[in-house]
C-alpha atoms as a PDB file:
ATOM      1  CA  MET A   1       0.000   0.000   0.000  1.00  0.00           C
ATOM      2  CA  VAL A   2       1.332   3.423  -1.025  1.00  0.00           C
ATOM      3  CA  LYS A   3       0.298   6.608   0.749  1.00  0.00           C
ATOM      4  CA  LEU A   4      -0.976   9.107  -1.823  1.00  0.00           C
ATOM      5  CA  GLU A   5      -1.279  12.855  -1.741  1.00  0.00           C
ATOM      6  CA  LEU A   6      -4.382  13.224  -3.884  1.00  0.00           C
ATOM      7  CA  ASP A   7      -3.735  16.908  -4.522  1.00  0.00           C
ATOM      8  CA  GLN A   8      -0.505  15.908  -6.313  1.00  0.00           C
ATOM      9  CA  VAL A   9      -2.186  13.430  -8.670  1.00  0.00           C
ATOM     10  CA  VAL A  10      -2.496  14.534 -12.298  1.00  0.00           C
ATOM     11  CA  VAL A  11      -5.449  13.143 -14.267  1.00  0.00           C
ATOM     12  CA  ARG A  12      -4.445  13.241 -17.945  1.00  0.00           C
ATOM     13  CA  ARG A  13      -5.410  11.643 -21.263  1.00  0.00           C
ATOM     14  CA  MET A  14      -3.712   8.415 -22.276  1.00  0.00           C
ATOM     15  CA  LYS A  15      -1.034   8.643 -24.957  1.00  0.00           C
ATOM     16  CA  GLU A  16       0.246   5.935 -27.282  1.00  0.00           C
ATOM     17  CA  ASP A  17       3.312   5.415 -25.080  1.00  0.00           C
ATOM     18  CA  ASP A  18       0.997   4.552 -22.174  1.00  0.00           C
ATOM     19  CA  ILE A  19      -1.013   1.844 -23.956  1.00  0.00           C
ATOM     20  CA  ASP A  20       1.036  -1.182 -22.811  1.00  0.00           C
ATOM     21  CA  THR A  21       0.994   0.022 -19.210  1.00  0.00           C
ATOM     22  CA  VAL A  22      -2.750   0.693 -19.310  1.00  0.00           C
ATOM     23  CA  LYS A  23      -3.474  -2.748 -20.784  1.00  0.00           C
ATOM     24  CA  ALA A  24      -1.456  -4.373 -17.997  1.00  0.00           C
ATOM     25  CA  LEU A  25      -3.268  -2.229 -15.408  1.00  0.00           C
ATOM     26  CA  ILE A  26      -6.709  -3.190 -16.740  1.00  0.00           C
ATOM     27  CA  LYS A  27      -5.700  -6.855 -16.899  1.00  0.00           C
ATOM     28  CA  GLU A  28      -4.580  -6.673 -13.272  1.00  0.00           C
ATOM     29  CA  GLY A  29      -7.783  -4.910 -12.234  1.00  0.00           C
ATOM     30  CA  GLY A  30      -9.912  -7.452 -14.064  1.00  0.00           C
ATOM     31  CA  GLU A  31      -8.299 -10.532 -12.528  1.00  0.00           C
ATOM     32  CA  GLY A  32     -11.023 -12.766 -11.175  1.00  0.00           C
ATOM     33  CA  THR A  33     -13.854 -10.789 -12.808  1.00  0.00           C
ATOM     34  CA  GLU A  34     -14.237 -13.260 -15.658  1.00  0.00           C
ATOM     35  CA  ASN A  35     -14.190 -16.249 -13.296  1.00  0.00           C
ATOM     36  CA  ARG A  36     -16.797 -14.625 -11.028  1.00  0.00           C
ATOM     37  CA  LEU A  37     -19.032 -13.962 -14.014  1.00  0.00           C
ATOM     38  CA  ILE A  38     -18.730 -17.580 -15.177  1.00  0.00           C
ATOM     39  CA  LEU A  39     -19.517 -18.868 -11.678  1.00  0.00           C
ATOM     40  CA  HIS A  40     -22.504 -16.525 -11.531  1.00  0.00           C
ATOM     41  CA  VAL A  41     -23.854 -17.889 -14.841  1.00  0.00           C
ATOM     42  CA  LEU A  42     -23.242 -21.535 -13.878  1.00  0.00           C
ATOM     43  CA  THR A  43     -25.194 -21.217 -10.620  1.00  0.00           C
ATOM     44  CA  ARG A  44     -28.350 -19.683 -12.149  1.00  0.00           C
ATOM     45  CA  PRO A  45     -31.415 -22.001 -11.839  1.00  0.00           C
ATOM     46  CA  LEU A  46     -32.122 -22.017 -15.585  1.00  0.00           C
ATOM     47  CA  CYS A  47     -28.514 -22.897 -16.394  1.00  0.00           C
ATOM     48  CA  LEU A  48     -28.503 -25.691 -13.780  1.00  0.00           C
ATOM     49  CA  PHE A  49     -31.737 -27.032 -15.270  1.00  0.00           C
ATOM     50  CA  VAL A  50     -30.251 -27.101 -18.799  1.00  0.00           C
ATOM     51  CA  LEU A  51     -27.089 -28.810 -17.524  1.00  0.00           C
ATOM     52  CA  ALA A  52     -29.186 -31.403 -15.689  1.00  0.00           C
ATOM     53  CA  ILE A  53     -31.091 -32.257 -18.885  1.00  0.00           C
ATOM     54  CA  ILE A  54     -27.879 -32.589 -20.904  1.00  0.00           C
ATOM     55  CA  SER A  55     -26.300 -34.741 -18.164  1.00  0.00           C
ATOM     56  CA  SER A  56     -29.345 -37.053 -18.147  1.00  0.00           C
ATOM     57  CA  VAL A  57     -29.032 -37.572 -21.893  1.00  0.00           C
ATOM     58  CA  LEU A  58     -25.279 -38.160 -21.685  1.00  0.00           C
ATOM     59  CA  ARG A  59     -25.812 -40.670 -18.866  1.00  0.00           C
ATOM     60  CA  CYS A  60     -27.384 -43.025 -21.398  1.00  0.00           C
ATOM     61  CA  VAL A  61     -24.488 -42.558 -23.818  1.00  0.00           C
ATOM     62  CA  VAL A  62     -21.291 -42.580 -21.752  1.00  0.00           C
ATOM     63  CA  HIS A  63     -22.585 -44.949 -19.009  1.00  0.00           C
ATOM     64  CA  SER A  64     -20.681 -42.955 -16.384  1.00  0.00           C
ATOM     65  CA  PHE A  65     -22.398 -40.700 -13.875  1.00  0.00           C
ATOM     66  CA  ILE A  66     -19.263 -38.624 -13.207  1.00  0.00           C
ATOM     67  CA  LEU A  67     -18.502 -38.064 -16.899  1.00  0.00           C
ATOM     68  CA  ALA A  68     -22.136 -37.215 -17.596  1.00  0.00           C
ATOM     69  CA  LEU A  69     -21.888 -34.450 -14.972  1.00  0.00           C
ATOM     70  CA  ALA A  70     -18.389 -33.215 -15.824  1.00  0.00           C
ATOM     71  CA  ILE A  71     -18.554 -33.045 -19.635  1.00  0.00           C
ATOM     72  CA  PRO A  72     -21.405 -30.479 -19.934  1.00  0.00           C
ATOM     73  CA  VAL A  73     -19.935 -28.250 -17.226  1.00  0.00           C
ATOM     74  CA  PHE A  74     -16.464 -28.395 -18.783  1.00  0.00           C
ATOM     75  CA  LEU A  75     -17.757 -27.622 -22.284  1.00  0.00           C
ATOM     76  CA  LEU A  76     -19.888 -24.756 -20.982  1.00  0.00           C
ATOM     77  CA  ILE A  77     -16.919 -23.237 -19.133  1.00  0.00           C
ATOM     78  CA  VAL A  78     -14.818 -23.430 -22.314  1.00  0.00           C
ATOM     79  CA  PHE A  79     -17.670 -21.891 -24.313  1.00  0.00           C
ATOM     80  CA  LEU A  80     -18.050 -19.031 -21.806  1.00  0.00           C
ATOM     81  CA  LYS A  81     -14.291 -18.411 -21.762  1.00  0.00           C
ATOM     82  CA  ILE A  82     -14.258 -18.113 -25.540  1.00  0.00           C
ATOM     83  CA  THR A  83     -17.419 -16.077 -25.965  1.00  0.00           C
ATOM     84  CA  MET A  84     -17.235 -13.908 -22.836  1.00  0.00           C
ATOM     85  CA  PRO A  85     -17.554 -10.385 -24.259  1.00  0.00           C
ATOM     86  CA  ARG A  86     -15.089  -7.599 -23.552  1.00  0.00           C
ATOM     87  CA  ALA A  87     -12.162  -9.952 -23.077  1.00  0.00           C
ATOM     88  CA  THR A  88      -9.896  -6.868 -23.080  1.00  0.00           C
ATOM     89  CA  GLY A  89     -11.183  -6.004 -19.632  1.00  0.00           C
ATOM     90  CA  VAL A  90     -13.166  -2.903 -20.564  1.00  0.00           C
ATOM     91  CA  LEU A  91     -16.511  -4.452 -19.685  1.00  0.00           C
ATOM     92  CA  GLY A  92     -19.510  -2.264 -20.447  1.00  0.00           C
ATOM     93  CA  THR A  93     -18.499  -0.776 -23.775  1.00  0.00           C
ATOM     94  CA  SER A  94     -20.919  -1.260 -26.667  1.00  0.00           C
ATOM     95  CA  ARG A  95     -18.109  -2.297 -29.038  1.00  0.00           C
ATOM     96  CA  PRO A  96     -16.524  -5.777 -29.320  1.00  0.00           C
ATOM     97  CA  CYS A  97     -13.183  -4.458 -28.033  1.00  0.00           C
ATOM     98  CA  TRP A  98     -11.636  -1.208 -26.899  1.00  0.00           C
ATOM     99  CA  ASP A  99      -9.678   0.842 -29.451  1.00  0.00           C
ATOM    100  CA  TYR A 100      -6.643   1.829 -27.380  1.00  0.00           C
ATOM    101  CA  VAL A 101      -4.806   3.515 -30.248  1.00  0.00           C
ATOM    102  CA  GLY A 102      -7.849   5.465 -31.381  1.00  0.00           C
ATOM    103  CA  SER A 103      -8.637   6.650 -27.845  1.00  0.00           C
ATOM    104  CA  SER A 104      -5.085   7.872 -27.151  1.00  0.00           C
ATOM    105  CA  LEU A 105      -4.130  11.539 -27.261  1.00  0.00           C
ATOM    106  CA  ARG A 106      -1.863  12.613 -30.085  1.00  0.00           C
ATOM    107  CA  GLY A 107       0.430  15.598 -30.005  1.00  0.00           C
ATOM    108  CA  ALA A 108       3.123  16.954 -27.740  1.00  0.00           C
ATOM    109  CA  GLY A 109       0.906  18.516 -25.071  1.00  0.00           C
ATOM    110  CA  ASP A 110      -1.201  16.988 -22.288  1.00  0.00           C
ATOM    111  CA  ASP A 111      -4.954  17.160 -21.836  1.00  0.00           C
ATOM    112  CA  ILE A 112      -5.452  17.391 -18.062  1.00  0.00           C
ATOM    113  CA  LEU A 113      -8.595  17.218 -15.943  1.00  0.00           C
ATOM    114  CA  GLU A 114      -9.072  19.553 -13.009  1.00  0.00           C
ATOM    115  CA  ASN A 115      -8.184  17.901  -9.702  1.00  0.00           C
ATOM    116  CA  PRO A 116     -10.788  18.885  -7.064  1.00  0.00           C
ATOM    117  CA  TYR A 117      -8.280  18.263  -4.251  1.00  0.00           C
ATOM    118  CA  THR A 118      -5.916  20.844  -5.743  1.00  0.00           C
ATOM    119  CA  ARG A 119      -8.499  23.590  -5.186  1.00  0.00           C
ATOM    120  CA  ILE A 120      -8.768  22.609  -1.516  1.00  0.00           C
ATOM    121  CA  SER A 121      -5.037  22.434  -0.779  1.00  0.00           C
ATOM    122  CA  GLY A 122      -3.963  25.290  -3.029  1.00  0.00           C
ATOM    123  CA  LYS A 123      -1.092  23.197  -4.429  1.00  0.00           C
ATOM    124  CA  THR A 124      -0.420  22.620  -8.117  1.00  0.00           C
ATOM    125  CA  ALA A 125       0.074  19.097  -9.412  1.00  0.00           C
ATOM    126  CA  THR A 126       2.617  18.602 -12.201  1.00  0.00           C
ATOM    127  CA  THR A 127       3.294  15.696 -14.531  1.00  0.00           C
ATOM    128  CA  GLN A 128       6.660  13.981 -14.543  1.00  0.00           C
ATOM    129  CA  LYS A 129       8.421  11.722 -16.995  1.00  0.00           C
ATOM    130  CA  PRO A 130       7.277   8.092 -16.543  1.00  0.00           C
ATOM    131  CA  LYS A 131       9.619   6.127 -14.315  1.00  0.00           C
ATOM    132  CA  ARG A 132       9.129   2.777 -15.993  1.00  0.00           C
ATOM    133  CA  ARG A 133       7.652   1.015 -19.000  1.00  0.00           C
ATOM    134  CA  MET A 134       6.032  -2.399 -18.964  1.00  0.00           C
ATOM    135  CA  LYS A 135       7.889  -3.356 -22.171  1.00  0.00           C
ATOM    136  CA  PRO A 136      10.803  -1.314 -23.560  1.00  0.00           C
ATOM    137  CA  LYS A 137      10.562  -0.301 -27.203  1.00  0.00           C
ATOM    138  CA  THR A 138      12.983  -1.801 -29.696  1.00  0.00           C
ATOM    139  CA  THR A 139      14.897   0.355 -32.188  1.00  0.00           C
ATOM    140  CA  GLU A 140      12.459  -0.596 -34.954  1.00  0.00           C
ATOM    141  CA  GLU A 141       9.434   0.325 -32.815  1.00  0.00           C
ATOM    142  CA  ALA A 142      10.955   3.630 -31.771  1.00  0.00           C
ATOM    143  CA  SER A 143      11.705   4.602 -35.386  1.00  0.00           C
ATOM    144  CA  ALA A 144       8.369   3.402 -36.801  1.00  0.00           C
ATOM    145  CA  PRO A 145       5.813   6.163 -37.503  1.00  0.00           C
ATOM    146  CA  SER A 146       2.730   6.241 -35.295  1.00  0.00           C
ATOM    147  CA  GLU A 147      -0.526   4.938 -36.740  1.00  0.00           C
ATOM    148  CA  ARG A 148      -2.591   7.548 -38.553  1.00  0.00           C
ATOM    149  CA  ILE A 149      -5.984   8.083 -36.932  1.00  0.00           C
ATOM    150  CA  ASP A 150      -8.799   9.739 -38.870  1.00  0.00           C
ATOM    151  CA  PRO A 151     -11.228  12.021 -36.980  1.00  0.00           C
ATOM    152  CA  ASP A 152     -14.122   9.548 -37.296  1.00  0.00           C
ATOM    153  CA  ARG A 153     -12.149   6.775 -35.603  1.00  0.00           C
ATOM    154  CA  GLU A 154     -10.929   9.131 -32.892  1.00  0.00           C
ATOM    155  CA  GLU A 155     -14.479  10.294 -32.181  1.00  0.00           C
ATOM    156  CA  ALA A 156     -15.803   6.707 -32.025  1.00  0.00           C
ATOM    157  CA  ALA A 157     -12.932   5.374 -29.890  1.00  0.00           C
ATOM    158  CA  GLY A 158     -13.756   7.174 -26.640  1.00  0.00           C
ATOM    159  CA  GLN A 159     -11.241   8.372 -24.075  1.00  0.00           C
ATOM    160  CA  VAL A 160      -9.008   6.898 -21.383  1.00  0.00           C
ATOM    161  CA  TRP A 161      -7.943   9.144 -18.495  1.00  0.00           C
ATOM    162  CA  LEU A 162      -4.972   8.218 -16.320  1.00  0.00           C
ATOM    163  CA  ALA A 163      -4.052   9.010 -12.719  1.00  0.00           C
ATOM    164  CA  ASP A 164      -0.401  10.063 -12.939  1.00  0.00           C
ATOM    165  CA  CYS A 165       1.390   9.886  -9.571  1.00  0.00           C
ATOM    166  CA  ASP A 166       4.973  11.170  -9.909  1.00  0.00           C
ATOM    167  CA  GLY A 167       5.336   9.508 -13.297  1.00  0.00           C
ATOM    168  CA  GLU A 168       3.585   6.280 -12.275  1.00  0.00           C
ATOM    169  CA  ILE A 169       0.240   5.331 -13.820  1.00  0.00           C
ATOM    170  CA  ALA A 170      -1.766   4.369 -10.748  1.00  0.00           C
ATOM    171  CA  GLY A 171      -5.273   4.112 -12.221  1.00  0.00           C
ATOM    172  CA  CYS A 172      -7.488   4.840 -15.184  1.00  0.00           C
ATOM    173  CA  VAL A 173     -11.090   5.487 -16.155  1.00  0.00           C
ATOM    174  CA  CYS A 174     -12.502   4.644 -19.605  1.00  0.00           C
ATOM    175  CA  ARG A 175     -15.239   6.829 -21.073  1.00  0.00           C
ATOM    176  CA  GLU A 176     -17.064   5.755 -24.200  1.00  0.00           C
ATOM    177  CA  SER A 177     -17.486   7.907 -27.288  1.00  0.00           C
ATOM    178  CA  GLU A 178     -19.950  10.792 -27.560  1.00  0.00           C
ATOM    179  CA  LYS A 179     -22.831   9.059 -29.327  1.00  0.00           C
ATOM    180  CA  ARG A 180     -25.768  10.819 -27.640  1.00  0.00           C
ATOM    181  CA  PRO A 181     -25.932  14.517 -26.795  1.00  0.00           C
ATOM    182  CA  GLY A 182     -25.885  15.170 -23.067  1.00  0.00           C
ATOM    183  CA  LEU A 183     -25.211  11.531 -22.134  1.00  0.00           C
ATOM    184  CA  ARG A 184     -21.929   9.739 -21.447  1.00  0.00           C
ATOM    185  CA  ARG A 185     -20.948   6.255 -20.307  1.00  0.00           C
ATOM    186  CA  ILE A 186     -18.165   5.176 -17.932  1.00  0.00           C
ATOM    187  CA  CYS A 187     -17.093   1.684 -18.968  1.00  0.00           C
ATOM    188  CA  ARG A 188     -14.332   0.876 -16.523  1.00  0.00           C
ATOM    189  CA  VAL A 189     -12.566   2.297 -13.457  1.00  0.00           C
ATOM    190  CA  VAL A 190      -9.327   0.572 -12.457  1.00  0.00           C
ATOM    191  CA  VAL A 191      -6.843   1.379  -9.683  1.00  0.00           C
ATOM    192  CA  GLY A 192      -3.504  -0.386  -9.275  1.00  0.00           C
ATOM    193  CA  SER A 193      -3.244  -2.799  -6.349  1.00  0.00           C
ATOM    194  CA  TRP A 194      -0.632  -0.643  -4.568  1.00  0.00           C
ATOM    195  CA  TYR A 195      -2.825   2.463  -4.685  1.00  0.00           C
ATOM    196  CA  ARG A 196      -6.222   1.147  -3.600  1.00  0.00           C
ATOM    197  CA  ARG A 197      -8.298   2.457  -0.670  1.00  0.00           C
ATOM    198  CA  GLU A 198      -6.651   5.872  -0.973  1.00  0.00           C
ATOM    199  CA  GLY A 199      -9.499   7.642  -2.783  1.00  0.00           C
ATOM    200  CA  LEU A 200      -7.894   7.450  -6.225  1.00  0.00           C
ATOM    201  CA  GLY A 201     -10.921   5.866  -7.916  1.00  0.00           C
ATOM    202  CA  ARG A 202     -13.164   8.577  -6.471  1.00  0.00           C
ATOM    203  CA  LEU A 203     -10.752  11.239  -7.725  1.00  0.00           C
ATOM    204  CA  LEU A 204     -10.806   9.800 -11.271  1.00  0.00           C
ATOM    205  CA  VAL A 205     -14.601   9.700 -11.454  1.00  0.00           C
ATOM    206  CA  GLN A 206     -15.127  13.124  -9.852  1.00  0.00           C
ATOM    207  CA  SER A 207     -12.564  14.759 -12.155  1.00  0.00           C
ATOM    208  CA  LEU A 208     -14.274  13.245 -15.195  1.00  0.00           C
ATOM    209  CA  GLU A 209     -17.690  14.333 -13.888  1.00  0.00           C
ATOM    210  CA  HIS A 210     -16.436  17.909 -13.550  1.00  0.00           C
ATOM    211  CA  ARG A 211     -15.175  17.929 -17.163  1.00  0.00           C
ATOM    212  CA  GLU A 212     -18.396  16.454 -18.530  1.00  0.00           C
ATOM    213  CA  ARG A 213     -20.541  18.850 -16.494  1.00  0.00           C
ATOM    214  CA  GLU A 214     -18.659  21.818 -17.972  1.00  0.00           C
ATOM    215  CA  ALA A 215     -19.165  20.313 -21.447  1.00  0.00           C
ATOM    216  CA  GLY A 216     -22.926  20.335 -20.931  1.00  0.00           C
ATOM    217  CA  VAL A 217     -23.452  16.660 -20.143  1.00  0.00           C
ATOM    218  CA  CYS A 218     -26.553  16.122 -18.017  1.00  0.00           C
ATOM    219  CA  ARG A 219     -26.213  12.426 -17.167  1.00  0.00           C
ATOM    220  CA  LEU A 220     -23.431   9.880 -16.710  1.00  0.00           C
ATOM    221  CA  TYR A 221     -23.945   6.110 -16.888  1.00  0.00           C
ATOM    222  CA  ALA A 222     -21.630   3.572 -15.297  1.00  0.00           C
ATOM    223  CA  HIS A 223     -21.557  -0.132 -16.156  1.00  0.00           C
ATOM    224  CA  VAL A 224     -20.456  -2.248 -13.198  1.00  0.00           C
ATOM    225  CA  PRO A 225     -19.399  -5.917 -13.660  1.00  0.00           C
ATOM    226  CA  PHE A 226     -22.035  -8.266 -12.209  1.00  0.00           C
ATOM    227  CA  PRO A 227     -21.770  -9.427  -9.514  1.00  0.00           C
ATOM    228  CA  SER A 228     -19.461  -6.813  -7.977  1.00  0.00           C
ATOM    229  CA  THR A 229     -20.530  -5.650  -4.520  1.00  0.00           C
ATOM    230  CA  LEU A 230     -17.459  -3.430  -4.179  1.00  0.00           C
ATOM    231  CA  GLY A 231     -18.165  -1.680  -7.485  1.00  0.00           C
ATOM    232  CA  GLU A 232     -21.833  -1.149  -6.612  1.00  0.00           C
ATOM    233  CA  VAL A 233     -20.990   0.353  -3.218  1.00  0.00           C
ATOM    234  CA  PHE A 234     -18.334   2.576  -4.826  1.00  0.00           C
ATOM    235  CA  PHE A 235     -20.737   4.152  -7.310  1.00  0.00           C
ATOM    236  CA  ARG A 236     -23.576   4.442  -4.784  1.00  0.00           C
ATOM    237  CA  LYS A 237     -21.295   6.471  -2.510  1.00  0.00           C
ATOM    238  CA  LEU A 238     -20.605   8.804  -5.440  1.00  0.00           C
ATOM    239  CA  GLY A 239     -24.322   9.439  -5.884  1.00  0.00           C
ATOM    240  CA  TYR A 240     -25.116   6.944  -8.644  1.00  0.00           C
ATOM    241  CA  ARG A 241     -28.375   4.980  -8.654  1.00  0.00           C
ATOM    242  CA  PRO A 242     -29.239   1.687 -10.360  1.00  0.00           C
ATOM    243  CA  LEU A 243     -31.213   2.114 -13.547  1.00  0.00           C
ATOM    244  CA  GLY A 244     -34.743   0.984 -12.640  1.00  0.00           C
ATOM    245  CA  GLU A 245     -35.226   2.625  -9.225  1.00  0.00           C
ATOM    246  CA  ARG A 246     -37.342   5.552 -10.396  1.00  0.00           C
ATOM    247  CA  THR A 247     -41.142   5.641 -10.478  1.00  0.00           C
ATOM    248  CA  GLY A 248     -43.932   7.759 -12.002  1.00  0.00           C
ATOM    249  CA  GLU A 249     -42.910  10.157 -14.754  1.00  0.00           C
ATOM    250  CA  GLU A 250     -39.247   9.348 -14.195  1.00  0.00           C
ATOM    251  CA  GLY A 251     -40.073   5.684 -14.652  1.00  0.00           C
ATOM    252  CA  GLU A 252     -41.707   6.353 -18.030  1.00  0.00           C
ATOM    253  CA  GLU A 253     -38.637   8.291 -19.125  1.00  0.00           C
ATOM    254  CA  GLU A 254     -36.450   5.450 -17.903  1.00  0.00           C
ATOM    255  CA  ASP A 255     -38.286   2.921 -20.065  1.00  0.00           C
ATOM    256  CA  GLU A 256     -36.896   4.719 -23.095  1.00  0.00           C
ATOM    257  CA  GLU A 257     -33.396   4.794 -21.594  1.00  0.00           C
ATOM    258  CA  VAL A 258     -33.380   1.058 -20.883  1.00  0.00           C
ATOM    259  CA  LYS A 259     -33.837   0.368 -24.582  1.00  0.00           C
ATOM    260  CA  VAL A 260     -30.487   2.045 -25.269  1.00  0.00           C
ATOM    261  CA  GLU A 261     -28.548   1.732 -21.996  1.00  0.00           C
ATOM    262  CA  ARG A 262     -28.989  -2.012 -21.535  1.00  0.00           C
ATOM    263  CA  PRO A 263     -26.716  -4.183 -19.380  1.00  0.00           C
ATOM    264  CA  GLU A 264     -24.330  -6.543 -21.119  1.00  0.00           C
ATOM    265  CA  ARG A 265     -25.757 -10.061 -21.343  1.00  0.00           C
ATOM    266  CA  GLY A 266     -24.112 -13.432 -21.816  1.00  0.00           C
ATOM    267  CA  PHE A 267     -25.151 -17.097 -21.989  1.00  0.00           C
ATOM    268  CA  LEU A 268     -28.954 -17.613 -21.834  1.00  0.00           C
ATOM    269  CA  GLY A 269     -29.370 -13.852 -21.478  1.00  0.00           C
ATOM    270  CA  PHE A 270     -27.931 -13.603 -17.969  1.00  0.00           C
ATOM    271  CA  PRO A 271     -26.710 -10.053 -17.142  1.00  0.00           C
ATOM    272  CA  LEU A 272     -22.962  -9.446 -16.979  1.00  0.00           C
ATOM    273  CA  THR A 273     -23.151  -5.811 -15.914  1.00  0.00           C
ATOM    274  CA  LYS A 274     -25.383  -3.538 -13.858  1.00  0.00           C
ATOM    275  CA  VAL A 275     -26.187  -0.044 -15.098  1.00  0.00           C
ATOM    276  CA  TYR A 276     -25.928   2.939 -12.733  1.00  0.00           C
ATOM    277  CA  PHE A 277     -26.628   6.591 -13.544  1.00  0.00           C
ATOM    278  CA  LYS A 278     -26.055  10.021 -12.053  1.00  0.00           C
ATOM    279  CA  ASP A 279     -27.655  13.310 -13.041  1.00  0.00           C
ATOM    280  CA  LEU A 280     -25.030  16.043 -13.200  1.00  0.00           C
END
């Protein structure tokens, strides 16, 4: 555990040089999520009923009770591993995979979000040169020109914002592209294992909320992996509510939102994410 001074954290856009580090960070943050989702699907009553039927049929074929039980479960686990959406770890995005290159910032400067803790302390946070790289570039990679990104791809790719702590990337938040006016979606919030329980995740989300509020966004959605009690508590503390809690006129308005902002679903239609929202 590392003690952080939140007023010294810089929240900036991801650049191409940060992609490998961000991928490793998201992979670390998503460890166990896929297995929990598979266990959740396997223990649903409908899934157990389907497995029981298949096992009964196999019992007459393989003449082994243990094999008749094990084969369907094993095949289903393999199927779920292969078809589990968002294998890149950015669960909640509406695209098959996250475009890291398209969502990176190009140019020499930095795009930085306002840190709310800086206003309180009066200090100014500054970015520093990264201390380490997950994988050093070879001579060929260093000399190769960067991939050309057209404006349409950049607009559709979304954004990734990083928490820069003295040159170390300690966390990130992924925000999907601007498809609907006044509405935005947070797909993933990840904090490195050494920086957790220090308020860094809250800082990332609040800094992004402040930017979106200034841009005229009226509502933010957040997709939380299901089941994830920690993620649900985190967003509830930040003022987010599950989609489906409103009644009356709000409920009628929400019916239209559910058609667009639907949770990710997997095998037999079981939900893989929960949708939360916050009015800015």
